[in-house]
C-alpha atoms as a PDB file:
ATOM      1  CA  MET A   1      -3.106 -62.051 -15.789  1.00  0.00           C
ATOM      2  CA  THR A   2      -4.211 -60.914 -19.250  1.00  0.00           C
ATOM      3  CA  THR A   3      -3.695 -57.259 -18.341  1.00  0.00           C
ATOM      4  CA  ALA A   4      -0.245 -58.035 -16.950  1.00  0.00           C
ATOM      5  CA  LEU A   5       0.788 -59.847 -20.117  1.00  0.00           C
ATOM      6  CA  ALA A   6      -0.590 -57.039 -22.283  1.00  0.00           C
ATOM      7  CA  ALA A   7       1.389 -54.482 -20.247  1.00  0.00           C
ATOM      8  CA  GLY A   8       4.666 -56.233 -20.916  1.00  0.00           C
ATOM      9  CA  GLY A   9       5.043 -59.482 -19.002  1.00  0.00           C
ATOM     10  CA  ILE A  10       4.434 -61.464 -15.859  1.00  0.00           C
ATOM     11  CA  GLU A  11       6.364 -58.917 -13.745  1.00  0.00           C
ATOM     12  CA  HIS A  12       3.371 -56.560 -14.148  1.00  0.00           C
ATOM     13  CA  PHE A  13       1.046 -58.965 -12.312  1.00  0.00           C
ATOM     14  CA  GLY A  14      -0.513 -57.151  -9.359  1.00  0.00           C
ATOM     15  CA  TRP A  15       0.621 -53.701 -10.517  1.00  0.00           C
ATOM     16  CA  GLY A  16      -2.662 -51.843 -10.806  1.00  0.00           C
ATOM     17  CA  VAL A  17      -3.335 -48.138 -10.542  1.00  0.00           C
ATOM     18  CA  ASP A  18      -3.188 -48.294  -6.744  1.00  0.00           C
ATOM     19  CA  ARG A  19       0.293 -49.806  -6.674  1.00  0.00           C
ATOM     20  CA  HIS A  20       1.618 -47.313  -9.226  1.00  0.00           C
ATOM     21  CA  MET A  21       0.175 -44.445  -7.181  1.00  0.00           C
ATOM     22  CA  ASP A  22       1.770 -45.888  -4.029  1.00  0.00           C
ATOM     23  CA  ALA A  23       5.185 -46.006  -5.734  1.00  0.00           C
ATOM     24  CA  ASP A  24       4.777 -42.426  -7.001  1.00  0.00           C
ATOM     25  CA  LEU A  25       3.798 -41.231  -3.517  1.00  0.00           C
ATOM     26  CA  TYR A  26       6.831 -42.980  -2.006  1.00  0.00           C
ATOM     27  CA  ASP A  27       9.153 -41.282  -4.505  1.00  0.00           C
ATOM     28  CA  ALA A  28       7.513 -37.880  -3.979  1.00  0.00           C
ATOM     29  CA  LEU A  29       7.885 -38.125  -0.192  1.00  0.00           C
ATOM     30  CA  ASN A  30      11.549 -39.043  -0.554  1.00  0.00           C
ATOM     31  CA  ALA A  31      12.148 -36.120  -2.941  1.00  0.00           C
ATOM     32  CA  ASN A  32      10.422 -33.782  -0.487  1.00  0.00           C
ATOM     33  CA  THR A  33      12.575 -35.121   2.362  1.00  0.00           C
ATOM     34  CA  ARG A  34      15.754 -34.497   0.386  1.00  0.00           C
ATOM     35  CA  ALA A  35      14.664 -31.003  -0.668  1.00  0.00           C
ATOM     36  CA  THR A  36      13.582 -29.691   2.741  1.00  0.00           C
ATOM     37  CA  GLY A  37      16.132 -31.278   5.049  1.00  0.00           C
ATOM     38  CA  ASN A  38      18.925 -29.401   6.819  1.00  0.00           C
ATOM     39  CA  TRP A  39      21.818 -31.613   5.723  1.00  0.00           C
ATOM     40  CA  GLY A  40      24.751 -29.261   6.277  1.00  0.00           C
ATOM     41  CA  LYS A  41      27.988 -29.947   4.412  1.00  0.00           C
ATOM     42  CA  LYS A  42      27.311 -33.654   3.923  1.00  0.00           C
ATOM     43  CA  GLY A  43      24.502 -33.016   1.485  1.00  0.00           C
ATOM     44  CA  PRO A  44      21.239 -34.908   1.244  1.00  0.00           C
ATOM     45  CA  PRO A  45      21.355 -38.714   1.283  1.00  0.00           C
ATOM     46  CA  LYS A  46      20.603 -40.600  -1.884  1.00  0.00           C
ATOM     47  CA  ILE A  47      17.279 -42.375  -1.386  1.00  0.00           C
ATOM     48  CA  PRO A  48      16.579 -44.960  -4.101  1.00  0.00           C
ATOM     49  CA  ASN A  49      13.288 -44.888  -5.981  1.00  0.00           C
ATOM     50  CA  ARG A  50      10.767 -47.635  -5.421  1.00  0.00           C
ATOM     51  CA  PRO A  51      11.375 -50.438  -7.924  1.00  0.00           C
ATOM     52  CA  ARG A  52       8.791 -50.763 -10.678  1.00  0.00           C
ATOM     53  CA  PRO A  53       8.356 -53.210 -13.548  1.00  0.00           C
ATOM     54  CA  LYS A  54       9.849 -52.062 -16.840  1.00  0.00           C
ATOM     55  CA  PHE A  55       7.489 -51.442 -19.726  1.00  0.00           C
ATOM     56  CA  LYS A  56       8.391 -53.136 -22.979  1.00  0.00           C
ATOM     57  CA  PRO A  57       7.544 -51.244 -26.161  1.00  0.00           C
ATOM     58  CA  GLN A  58       4.869 -52.973 -28.166  1.00  0.00           C
ATOM     59  CA  LEU A  59       5.378 -53.465 -31.880  1.00  0.00           C
ATOM     60  CA  LYS A  60       2.791 -51.776 -34.064  1.00  0.00           C
ATOM     61  CA  GLN A  61       3.144 -54.204 -36.952  1.00  0.00           C
ATOM     62  CA  SER A  62       4.215 -57.834 -36.823  1.00  0.00           C
ATOM     63  CA  ASP A  63       7.468 -59.239 -38.218  1.00  0.00           C
ATOM     64  CA  GLY A  64       8.816 -55.912 -39.483  1.00  0.00           C
ATOM     65  CA  ASP A  65       6.094 -55.565 -42.117  1.00  0.00           C
ATOM     66  CA  THR A  66       6.279 -51.968 -43.344  1.00  0.00           C
ATOM     67  CA  THR A  67       3.205 -52.017 -45.570  1.00  0.00           C
ATOM     68  CA  PRO A  68       0.408 -49.911 -44.078  1.00  0.00           C
ATOM     69  CA  LYS A  69      -2.845 -51.659 -43.319  1.00  0.00           C
ATOM     70  CA  PRO A  70      -5.869 -50.431 -45.270  1.00  0.00           C
ATOM     71  CA  LYS A  71      -8.402 -48.386 -43.338  1.00  0.00           C
ATOM     72  CA  VAL A  72     -11.741 -50.084 -42.785  1.00  0.00           C
ATOM     73  CA  SER A  73     -14.943 -48.097 -42.517  1.00  0.00           C
ATOM     74  CA  VAL A  74     -18.016 -48.963 -40.494  1.00  0.00           C
ATOM     75  CA  LYS A  75     -19.996 -49.172 -43.707  1.00  0.00           C
ATOM     76  CA  SER A  76     -17.671 -51.828 -45.153  1.00  0.00           C
ATOM     77  CA  LEU A  77     -17.740 -53.801 -41.868  1.00  0.00           C
ATOM     78  CA  HIS A  78     -21.544 -53.749 -41.848  1.00  0.00           C
ATOM     79  CA  ALA A  79     -21.645 -54.822 -45.457  1.00  0.00           C
ATOM     80  CA  SER A  80     -19.308 -57.761 -44.840  1.00  0.00           C
ATOM     81  CA  MET A  81     -21.274 -58.892 -41.790  1.00  0.00           C
ATOM     82  CA  SER A  82     -24.716 -58.612 -43.355  1.00  0.00           C
ATOM     83  CA  ARG A  83     -23.901 -60.731 -46.428  1.00  0.00           C
ATOM     84  CA  ARG A  84     -25.484 -64.149 -46.611  1.00  0.00           C
END
């Protein structure tokens, strides 16, 4: 559930690598069918793609804040954690 929410919402639940590969394979087989068929004058049929969840772009900075965040080094992190 956490991965689905991080990917863009609840509609991503259950969409792992295997399901994305299955959808890509389905679309590739349909494209191959359209390309190699002998359709005559009618032309190839329009085969719809497999529906997928839409990815929502993630915001880099919150609330439209345009100030860049300062870079933090490992040395400064260690120093802040080792203080007593």
